[in-house]
Amino acid sequence: METALSQATGSAPVGRHQELLVLEESLRLARTSARIVSLAGEPWVGKSRLLAELIAAAHDDGWTVAAGRAGRLGGPVPFEVFVDALDDQLARIGPDLAGRLGPRETDRLAGVFPALAAGRPEPSGPAPADPDAYWLIRAMRTLIGQAAEANGLLLVLDDVHRADPLSLQLLDHLVRHPPQAPVLIALAYRDSPTARHLSSLRTLRAHGAMPSWRHLDVAPLPERDAAALLPSGLDPIRRQLLLRDAAGVPGLLHALRDAGRLPVNPDAASVDFRALSPVAWRTACSAAVLGDPFTPGAVAEVAELPVERVLGGLDDLQSEGLIRPDGHLRRFRFRHPAVAGLVLRATDAGWRYGAQGRALRATQQGTAQGIAPGIAQDTGAEALTDGLPDGPGAVELASLSRREVQVAVLVSAGFTNQQIAGRMQLSPKTVETYLSRIFKKLGVVSRTQVAHLMGRGGRHL
């Protein structure tokens, strides 16, 4: 069933009917009074896609649309996400806006928006960091109401989990004191520790304090809906493994699907790593080389960075929802193992070669703090499942875990247990255990039969 919103855009995100209904209702209600709608979920689950649907529908309905995105965590620009969204719109309104705001409010806001500062002397009002920031926040609320004009304003704010403190204070104020104008503020953020402030707003809404505010938790897709995103002619084994590794996250599913044919670009929309600082990115790459679980000390050894800087990088990665603690204060793992494979593929080959050597040395020297990390040869599921054929045993093969698939591929390529143990940084006994599980799941009794089912006889990785 299509919603009016999906009909307006000509397409609808798979499995998001209820979310589209809420966005449609919020847009309709905002015509008479200001509303706020928020979307939260893990990375690449489809929040931005839902916002894009809302933007397209608002354009068709004659709304004025202003959209912005927060940059790197804790960026130095006050109200950055609001400036990114509204500055071009303010420039279009022109000097009439200053007349409607009045000189005091305009002076305050000229220190925030380049469009208002153009052609003016240095603002005489307080800077954003002054104790009078409260009055600046009130001026921002007035400005948003004025920007709505007669058409109504859809103000879209994405990646709000990265927003600066003043932007979060302004959002808090807007939720409690909505503009007296037809305004819909739609914001999206990752469900990460950085979003604690926004989560407190959800608590207030849940107690009925703010009926004008709606919240959506954007969950991973069920397997049936996720399967609809894959090509119909895809090999059934590869299909099942991709669905397993993507865990219902659409962006991750697209990235894994495409990675077997194209190199993964860190700028790709489905797996966007651009907001990571250089230290956070280097930390992620080093962690991907080590494999799950990893420790700050081992990551620092591979990254060739001081532990203190790596700890900051780990904080950023956790705030972005990419990693999580491993039930131990000194260990972490990627939220989805497939993300480690995508990160690894996005690294430079020369750096990766050197990093793998440093990881081996860290393990041998005992600097991994009691953990022997698995040196990631290639943790992306697509590298293990490219070209797997259809045929007998397809369902059983798809039931293998990631590690079991790795062992089965190496067995089919002719590696001995000892060689597999060295390649995967496991003990020979552990390899034997994996092989026993593989035999049981596949219903076979020999390595030759494993190779036949894998369709990889004699092929080396």
Protein backbone atom coordinates (compact mmCIF):
# COMPACT_ATOMS: atom_id res chain seq x y z
CA MET A 1 0.00 0.00 0.00
CA GLU A 2 1.36 3.40 -0.97
CA THR A 3 1.07 6.49 1.22
CA ALA A 4 0.29 9.89 -0.23
CA LEU A 5 3.91 10.80 0.48
CA SER A 6 5.31 7.88 -1.51
CA GLN A 7 2.92 8.63 -4.37
CA ALA A 8 4.25 12.18 -4.48
CA THR A 9 7.86 11.01 -4.74
CA GLY A 10 7.18 8.23 -7.21
CA SER A 11 8.85 5.56 -5.05
CA ALA A 12 8.88 4.35 -1.49
CA PRO A 13 11.64 2.86 0.66
CA VAL A 14 11.02 -0.85 1.10
CA GLY A 15 9.46 -1.78 4.43
CA ARG A 16 8.95 1.80 5.65
CA HIS A 17 5.18 2.23 5.27
CA GLN A 18 4.52 3.17 8.91
CA GLU A 19 7.37 5.66 9.01
CA LEU A 20 6.09 7.35 5.85
CA LEU A 21 2.62 7.64 7.38
CA VAL A 22 4.02 9.45 10.42
CA LEU A 23 6.04 11.84 8.22
CA GLU A 24 2.98 12.49 6.04
CA GLU A 25 0.84 13.26 9.08
CA SER A 26 3.50 15.56 10.59
CA LEU A 27 3.75 17.53 7.35
CA ARG A 28 -0.02 17.95 7.23
CA LEU A 29 -0.36 19.01 10.89
CA ALA A 30 2.51 21.51 10.62
CA ARG A 31 0.38 23.63 8.29
CA THR A 32 -1.59 24.83 11.30
CA SER A 33 1.05 24.69 14.07
CA ALA A 34 4.75 24.04 14.32
CA ARG A 35 5.76 20.40 14.69
CA ILE A 36 8.94 18.40 15.25
CA VAL A 37 9.59 14.86 14.05
CA SER A 38 12.78 12.94 14.84
CA LEU A 39 14.26 9.72 13.44
CA ALA A 40 16.88 7.62 15.23
CA GLY A 41 18.63 4.42 14.24
CA GLU A 42 21.95 2.78 13.57
CA PRO A 43 24.28 3.85 10.73
CA TRP A 44 22.95 3.37 7.17
CA VAL A 45 19.58 2.04 8.28
CA GLY A 46 17.68 4.47 6.02
CA LYS A 47 17.06 7.65 8.03
CA SER A 48 18.41 9.97 5.32
CA ARG A 49 16.35 8.16 2.69
CA LEU A 50 13.18 8.86 4.68
CA LEU A 51 14.17 12.51 4.99
CA ALA A 52 14.68 12.65 1.22
CA GLU A 53 11.14 11.31 0.72
CA LEU A 54 9.82 14.01 3.05
CA ILE A 55 11.75 16.75 1.24
CA ALA A 56 10.42 15.67 -2.16
CA ALA A 57 6.83 15.60 -0.91
CA ALA A 58 7.18 19.02 0.76
CA HIS A 59 8.53 20.54 -2.46
CA ASP A 60 5.55 19.17 -4.36
CA ASP A 61 3.19 20.64 -1.75
CA GLY A 62 4.69 24.12 -2.03
CA TRP A 63 6.69 24.21 1.20
CA THR A 64 9.90 26.17 1.55
CA VAL A 65 12.58 23.55 2.26
CA ALA A 66 15.89 24.14 4.06
CA ALA A 67 18.12 21.11 4.68
CA GLY A 68 21.44 20.83 6.49
CA ARG A 69 23.78 18.23 7.92
CA ALA A 70 26.08 18.33 10.94
CA GLY A 71 29.75 17.84 10.14
CA ARG A 72 32.42 16.20 12.23
CA LEU A 73 31.71 15.59 15.87
CA GLY A 74 31.94 18.73 17.96
CA GLY A 75 32.74 20.99 15.02
CA PRO A 76 33.98 24.50 15.83
CA VAL A 77 31.11 26.38 14.11
CA PRO A 78 28.29 27.36 16.52
CA PHE A 79 24.82 26.30 15.30
CA GLU A 80 26.56 24.61 12.36
CA VAL A 81 23.69 22.35 11.30
CA PHE A 82 21.23 25.29 11.36
CA VAL A 83 23.61 27.51 9.42
CA ASP A 84 24.12 24.78 6.83
CA ALA A 85 20.35 24.49 6.40
CA LEU A 86 19.22 28.11 6.57
CA ASP A 87 21.95 30.40 5.27
CA ASP A 88 21.07 30.07 1.57
CA GLN A 89 17.40 30.58 2.37
CA LEU A 90 18.20 33.77 4.31
CA ALA A 91 20.22 35.06 1.38
CA ARG A 92 17.18 34.55 -0.88
CA ILE A 93 14.92 36.47 1.48
CA GLY A 94 17.32 39.40 1.29
CA PRO A 95 17.42 42.65 3.31
CA ASP A 96 13.70 42.55 4.11
CA LEU A 97 14.45 39.96 6.76
CA ALA A 98 16.65 42.36 8.73
CA GLY A 99 13.81 44.86 8.80
CA ARG A 100 11.40 42.26 10.19
CA LEU A 101 13.85 41.05 12.82
CA GLY A 102 14.92 44.47 14.08
CA PRO A 103 18.47 45.80 14.57
CA ARG A 104 19.23 44.05 17.87
CA GLU A 105 18.21 40.59 16.70
CA THR A 106 19.91 41.11 13.34
CA ASP A 107 23.17 42.13 15.04
CA ARG A 108 23.08 38.99 17.16
CA LEU A 109 22.33 36.71 14.23
CA ALA A 110 24.88 38.35 11.92
CA GLY A 111 27.54 36.73 14.08
CA VAL A 112 26.09 33.32 13.14
CA PHE A 113 24.82 33.54 9.54
CA PRO A 114 27.12 34.77 6.75
CA ALA A 115 24.05 35.79 4.73
CA LEU A 116 23.05 38.31 7.42
CA ALA A 117 26.62 39.54 7.98
CA ALA A 118 27.19 40.43 4.30
CA GLY A 119 27.72 44.15 3.87
CA ARG A 120 27.35 44.87 7.60
CA PRO A 121 29.90 46.13 10.12
CA GLU A 122 31.10 43.83 12.86
CA PRO A 123 28.06 42.78 14.95
CA SER A 124 27.64 44.72 18.17
CA GLY A 125 25.64 41.96 19.85
CA PRO A 126 27.08 39.16 21.96
CA ALA A 127 29.09 36.34 20.38
CA PRO A 128 27.52 32.89 20.48
CA ALA A 129 29.77 31.80 23.36
CA ASP A 130 28.71 34.77 25.58
CA PRO A 131 26.55 34.26 28.68
CA ASP A 132 23.76 35.94 26.69
CA ALA A 133 23.57 32.93 24.36
CA TYR A 134 20.03 32.39 25.65
CA TRP A 135 18.95 35.57 23.88
CA LEU A 136 20.71 34.43 20.76
CA ILE A 137 18.76 31.16 20.89
CA ARG A 138 15.52 33.12 21.19
CA ALA A 139 16.59 35.18 18.18
CA MET A 140 17.20 31.94 16.24
CA ARG A 141 13.65 30.82 17.07
CA THR A 142 12.28 34.13 15.77
CA LEU A 143 14.39 33.79 12.62
CA ILE A 144 13.04 30.31 11.89
CA GLY A 145 9.50 31.59 12.22
CA GLN A 146 10.23 34.48 9.85
CA ALA A 147 11.83 32.16 7.30
CA ALA A 148 8.59 30.16 7.13
CA GLU A 149 6.83 33.09 5.42
CA ALA A 150 3.48 32.19 3.85
CA ASN A 151 4.52 28.85 2.32
CA GLY A 152 5.55 27.11 5.50
CA LEU A 153 9.09 25.89 6.27
CA LEU A 154 10.37 22.32 6.33
CA LEU A 155 13.67 22.47 8.23
CA VAL A 156 15.59 19.19 7.81
CA LEU A 157 18.57 18.53 10.07
CA ASP A 158 20.54 15.33 9.44
CA ASP A 159 23.29 13.67 11.53
CA VAL A 160 22.26 15.67 14.59
CA HIS A 161 24.25 13.28 16.81
CA ARG A 162 27.28 15.30 15.64
CA ALA A 163 25.74 18.68 16.41
CA ASP A 164 27.58 21.25 18.52
CA PRO A 165 26.28 22.07 22.03
CA LEU A 166 24.57 25.30 20.98
CA SER A 167 22.65 23.51 18.24
CA LEU A 168 21.45 20.98 20.82
CA GLN A 169 20.43 23.78 23.17
CA LEU A 170 18.48 25.41 20.36
CA LEU A 171 16.71 22.13 19.57
CA ASP A 172 15.77 21.75 23.22
CA HIS A 173 14.32 25.28 23.17
CA LEU A 174 12.41 24.68 19.93
CA VAL A 175 10.83 21.50 21.26
CA ARG A 176 9.62 23.33 24.37
CA HIS A 177 8.77 26.57 22.57
CA PRO A 178 7.88 25.89 18.92
CA PRO A 179 7.87 28.86 16.52
CA GLN A 180 4.52 30.54 16.00
CA ALA A 181 4.51 29.69 12.31
CA PRO A 182 3.86 26.77 9.93
CA VAL A 183 7.18 24.96 10.54
CA LEU A 184 8.08 21.28 10.49
CA ILE A 185 11.51 20.49 11.92
CA ALA A 186 12.63 17.00 10.88
CA LEU A 187 15.85 15.72 12.44
CA ALA A 188 17.74 12.45 12.23
CA TYR A 189 20.52 11.06 14.37
CA ARG A 190 22.35 7.82 15.10
CA ASP A 191 21.45 5.94 18.26
CA SER A 192 24.81 6.46 19.87
CA PRO A 193 26.06 7.84 23.21
CA THR A 194 26.38 11.30 21.66
CA ALA A 195 22.59 11.35 21.24
CA ARG A 196 21.91 11.21 24.99
CA HIS A 197 20.68 14.82 25.00
CA LEU A 198 18.14 14.05 22.28
CA SER A 199 17.10 10.90 24.08
CA SER A 200 16.09 13.04 27.05
CA LEU A 201 13.71 14.88 24.75
CA ARG A 202 12.16 11.54 23.83
CA THR A 203 11.52 10.89 27.51
CA LEU A 204 9.66 14.19 27.83
CA ARG A 205 7.55 13.38 24.79
CA ALA A 206 6.75 9.93 26.15
CA HIS A 207 5.26 11.57 29.25
CA GLY A 208 3.00 13.74 27.11
CA ALA A 209 4.84 17.01 27.77
CA MET A 210 5.24 17.80 24.07
CA PRO A 211 2.37 16.52 21.92
CA SER A 212 3.73 18.45 18.93
CA TRP A 213 6.81 16.21 18.81
CA ARG A 214 6.86 12.76 17.20
CA HIS A 215 9.70 10.27 17.30
CA LEU A 216 10.49 7.28 15.08
CA ASP A 217 12.96 4.51 15.85
CA VAL A 218 14.08 3.34 12.39
CA ALA A 219 14.84 -0.34 12.89
CA PRO A 220 16.68 -2.74 10.56
CA LEU A 221 14.47 -4.34 7.94
CA PRO A 222 13.09 -7.85 8.41
CA GLU A 223 14.74 -10.38 6.12
CA ARG A 224 11.82 -10.48 3.66
CA ASP A 225 12.02 -6.74 3.02
CA ALA A 226 15.82 -6.73 2.93
CA ALA A 227 15.76 -9.52 0.34
CA ALA A 228 13.65 -7.30 -1.94
CA LEU A 229 16.65 -4.93 -2.21
CA LEU A 230 18.83 -7.60 -3.84
CA PRO A 231 18.82 -8.46 -7.58
CA SER A 232 16.50 -11.32 -8.49
CA GLY A 233 19.22 -13.25 -10.34
CA LEU A 234 21.68 -13.30 -7.43
CA ASP A 235 23.11 -16.67 -6.48
CA PRO A 236 21.02 -18.04 -3.57
CA ILE A 237 24.03 -18.80 -1.38
CA ARG A 238 25.45 -15.34 -1.84
CA ARG A 239 21.99 -13.89 -1.22
CA GLN A 240 21.65 -15.65 2.14
CA LEU A 241 25.14 -14.69 3.27
CA LEU A 242 24.63 -11.04 2.33
CA LEU A 243 21.32 -10.92 4.17
CA ARG A 244 22.96 -12.45 7.23
CA ASP A 245 25.93 -10.07 7.25
CA ALA A 246 23.91 -6.91 6.52
CA ALA A 247 21.53 -7.73 9.41
CA GLY A 248 18.68 -5.78 7.82
CA VAL A 249 20.62 -2.52 7.37
CA PRO A 250 19.85 -1.31 3.80
CA GLY A 251 22.99 0.79 3.28
CA LEU A 252 25.21 -1.99 4.53
CA LEU A 253 23.41 -4.48 2.28
CA HIS A 254 23.98 -2.28 -0.79
CA ALA A 255 27.65 -1.83 0.11
CA LEU A 256 28.25 -5.55 0.56
CA ARG A 257 26.40 -6.33 -2.65
CA ASP A 258 28.44 -3.86 -4.68
CA ALA A 259 31.82 -4.52 -3.07
CA GLY A 260 32.33 -7.73 -5.04
CA ARG A 261 32.29 -5.78 -8.32
CA LEU A 262 33.53 -2.31 -7.45
CA PRO A 263 36.13 -0.98 -5.01
CA VAL A 264 34.49 0.50 -1.95
CA ASN A 265 34.76 4.28 -1.99
CA PRO A 266 34.79 5.94 1.47
CA ASP A 267 32.70 8.72 -0.12
CA ALA A 268 29.96 6.30 -1.20
CA ALA A 269 26.57 7.29 0.15
CA SER A 270 25.73 3.82 1.48
CA VAL A 271 28.83 3.61 3.70
CA ASP A 272 29.73 7.18 4.48
CA PHE A 273 32.96 7.46 6.51
CA ARG A 274 33.67 11.08 5.54
CA ALA A 275 32.66 12.58 8.86
CA LEU A 276 35.38 10.64 10.71
CA SER A 277 38.41 12.63 11.76
CA PRO A 278 41.78 11.45 10.41
CA VAL A 279 42.57 9.87 13.80
CA ALA A 280 39.19 8.10 13.97
CA TRP A 281 39.60 6.79 10.42
CA ARG A 282 43.12 5.51 11.11
CA THR A 283 41.85 3.91 14.30
CA ALA A 284 39.03 2.19 12.38
CA CYS A 285 41.43 0.92 9.71
CA SER A 286 43.84 -0.45 12.30
CA ALA A 287 41.00 -2.14 14.21
CA ALA A 288 39.80 -3.72 10.95
CA VAL A 289 43.27 -5.16 10.33
CA LEU A 290 43.32 -6.66 13.82
CA GLY A 291 39.82 -8.12 13.66
CA ASP A 292 37.31 -8.51 16.51
CA PRO A 293 37.80 -8.13 19.38
CA PHE A 294 40.57 -5.54 19.61
CA THR A 295 42.18 -3.52 22.36
CA PRO A 296 43.35 0.12 22.40
CA GLY A 297 46.94 -1.00 22.91
CA ALA A 298 46.94 -3.27 19.88
CA VAL A 299 45.22 -0.61 17.74
CA ALA A 300 47.81 1.96 18.81
CA GLU A 301 50.60 -0.44 17.78
CA VAL A 302 49.09 -0.97 14.31
CA ALA A 303 48.12 2.68 13.83
CA GLU A 304 51.53 3.94 15.02
CA LEU A 305 49.76 6.46 17.24
CA PRO A 306 49.92 7.20 20.98
CA VAL A 307 47.32 5.29 22.98
CA GLU A 308 45.77 8.58 24.15
CA ARG A 309 44.96 9.57 20.56
CA VAL A 310 43.62 6.11 19.77
CA LEU A 311 41.29 6.34 22.78
CA GLY A 312 39.88 9.56 21.34
CA GLY A 313 39.46 7.83 17.98
CA LEU A 314 37.60 4.96 19.66
CA ASP A 315 35.30 7.47 21.36
CA ASP A 316 34.48 8.98 17.96
CA LEU A 317 33.83 5.56 16.43
CA GLN A 318 31.52 4.62 19.28
CA SER A 319 29.70 7.95 18.97
CA GLU A 320 29.20 7.20 15.28
CA GLY A 321 27.68 3.84 16.15
CA LEU A 322 30.44 1.87 14.38
CA ILE A 323 31.98 0.03 17.35
CA ARG A 324 30.86 -1.08 20.80
CA PRO A 325 32.51 -2.36 23.98
CA ASP A 326 32.98 -6.12 24.04
CA GLY A 327 31.71 -6.67 27.56
CA HIS A 328 35.11 -5.60 28.86
CA LEU A 329 36.46 -2.09 29.43
CA ARG A 330 39.64 -2.89 27.51
CA ARG A 331 38.12 -4.59 24.46
CA PHE A 332 35.96 -3.42 21.57
CA ARG A 333 34.42 -4.86 18.42
CA PHE A 334 32.68 -3.53 15.34
CA ARG A 335 28.93 -3.21 15.64
CA HIS A 336 28.64 -5.31 12.48
CA PRO A 337 31.59 -7.52 11.45
CA ALA A 338 30.89 -6.66 7.81
CA VAL A 339 31.78 -3.02 8.53
CA ALA A 340 35.33 -4.11 9.34
CA GLY A 341 35.56 -5.67 5.88
CA LEU A 342 34.30 -2.50 4.20
CA VAL A 343 36.74 -0.36 6.16
CA LEU A 344 39.59 -2.71 5.27
CA ARG A 345 38.74 -2.58 1.57
CA ALA A 346 38.81 1.22 1.68
CA THR A 347 42.40 1.31 2.95
CA ASP A 348 45.43 1.78 0.72
CA ALA A 349 47.11 -1.52 -0.19
CA GLY A 350 50.58 -0.38 0.85
CA TRP A 351 49.42 0.85 4.25
CA ARG A 352 47.42 -2.35 4.77
CA TYR A 353 50.48 -4.50 4.01
CA GLY A 354 52.56 -2.65 6.61
CA ALA A 355 49.69 -2.66 9.13
CA GLN A 356 49.33 -6.43 8.90
CA GLY A 357 53.03 -6.81 9.68
CA ARG A 358 52.69 -4.51 12.70
CA ALA A 359 49.65 -6.48 13.87
CA LEU A 360 51.61 -9.73 13.73
CA ARG A 361 54.47 -8.18 15.69
CA ALA A 362 52.03 -6.82 18.28
CA THR A 363 50.60 -10.30 18.75
CA GLN A 364 54.01 -11.96 18.98
CA GLN A 365 55.27 -9.40 21.50
CA GLY A 366 52.19 -9.76 23.68
CA THR A 367 51.11 -6.15 23.28
CA ALA A 368 47.55 -7.20 22.50
CA GLN A 369 46.89 -7.37 26.27
CA GLY A 370 46.11 -11.04 26.39
CA ILE A 371 44.10 -11.21 23.16
CA ALA A 372 45.41 -12.74 19.97
CA PRO A 373 43.62 -10.69 17.32
CA GLY A 374 42.69 -12.33 14.04
CA ILE A 375 44.65 -10.58 11.31
CA ALA A 376 41.96 -9.74 8.81
CA GLN A 377 42.91 -11.17 5.43
CA ASP A 378 39.59 -9.99 4.04
CA THR A 379 36.62 -9.79 6.40
CA GLY A 380 34.05 -8.66 3.85
CA ALA A 381 31.46 -11.35 3.17
CA GLU A 382 31.51 -10.55 -0.53
CA ALA A 383 35.15 -11.64 -0.84
CA LEU A 384 34.24 -15.06 0.52
CA THR A 385 31.04 -15.62 -1.45
CA ASP A 386 31.73 -14.22 -4.93
CA GLY A 387 30.78 -16.79 -7.54
CA LEU A 388 29.45 -19.44 -5.18
CA PRO A 389 27.22 -21.69 -7.31
CA ASP A 390 23.68 -22.87 -6.85
CA GLY A 391 23.06 -26.57 -6.40
CA PRO A 392 22.92 -29.31 -3.76
CA GLY A 393 23.91 -28.14 -0.30
CA ALA A 394 23.09 -24.46 -0.97
CA VAL A 395 20.86 -24.10 2.08
CA GLU A 396 23.36 -25.88 4.36
CA LEU A 397 26.25 -23.76 3.06
CA ALA A 398 24.30 -20.58 3.74
CA SER A 399 23.91 -21.69 7.37
CA LEU A 400 27.65 -21.47 8.05
CA SER A 401 28.94 -18.72 10.31
CA ARG A 402 31.41 -16.15 8.97
CA ARG A 403 34.41 -17.96 10.47
CA GLU A 404 33.14 -21.30 9.17
CA VAL A 405 32.80 -19.85 5.67
CA GLN A 406 36.40 -18.59 5.88
CA VAL A 407 37.66 -22.02 6.94
CA ALA A 408 35.58 -23.78 4.27
CA VAL A 409 36.92 -21.48 1.53
CA LEU A 410 40.51 -22.14 2.61
CA VAL A 411 39.85 -25.89 2.77
CA SER A 412 38.45 -25.80 -0.77
CA ALA A 413 41.54 -23.91 -1.88
CA GLY A 414 43.75 -26.78 -0.69
CA PHE A 415 45.14 -25.34 2.57
CA THR A 416 46.04 -27.73 5.38
CA ASN A 417 44.75 -27.20 8.91
CA GLN A 418 48.18 -25.89 9.92
CA GLN A 419 48.22 -23.41 7.05
CA ILE A 420 44.67 -22.27 7.85
CA ALA A 421 45.63 -21.79 11.48
CA GLY A 422 48.57 -19.59 10.50
CA ARG A 423 46.54 -17.59 7.97
CA MET A 424 43.65 -16.93 10.35
CA GLN A 425 45.78 -16.59 13.50
CA LEU A 426 44.01 -19.52 15.17
CA SER A 427 45.29 -22.64 16.87
CA PRO A 428 45.20 -25.89 14.83
CA LYS A 429 42.81 -27.30 17.46
CA THR A 430 40.39 -24.42 16.83
CA VAL A 431 40.57 -25.07 13.08
CA GLU A 432 39.72 -28.72 13.73
CA THR A 433 36.69 -27.62 15.75
CA TYR A 434 35.49 -25.34 12.95
CA LEU A 435 36.00 -28.12 10.41
CA SER A 436 33.98 -30.55 12.53
CA ARG A 437 31.10 -28.04 12.66
CA ILE A 438 31.34 -27.52 8.89
CA PHE A 439 31.15 -31.26 8.20
CA LYS A 440 28.09 -31.56 10.45
CA LYS A 441 26.25 -28.58 8.94
CA LEU A 442 26.99 -29.57 5.35
CA GLY A 443 26.33 -33.27 5.91
CA VAL A 444 29.71 -34.30 4.47
CA VAL A 445 32.61 -36.43 5.68
CA SER A 446 35.59 -35.18 3.66
CA ARG A 447 37.45 -32.04 2.65
CA THR A 448 36.87 -32.94 -1.00
CA GLN A 449 33.11 -32.80 -0.47
CA VAL A 450 33.48 -29.38 1.19
CA ALA A 451 35.44 -28.15 -1.84
CA HIS A 452 32.75 -29.52 -4.17
CA LEU A 453 29.98 -27.66 -2.34
CA MET A 454 31.99 -24.46 -2.18
CA GLY A 455 32.77 -24.60 -5.88
CA ARG A 456 36.23 -23.32 -5.07
CA GLY A 457 38.47 -26.34 -5.72
CA GLY A 458 42.07 -25.21 -6.20
CA ARG A 459 41.24 -21.50 -6.00
CA HIS A 460 43.51 -19.50 -3.69
CA LEU A 461 42.35 -16.32 -2.00
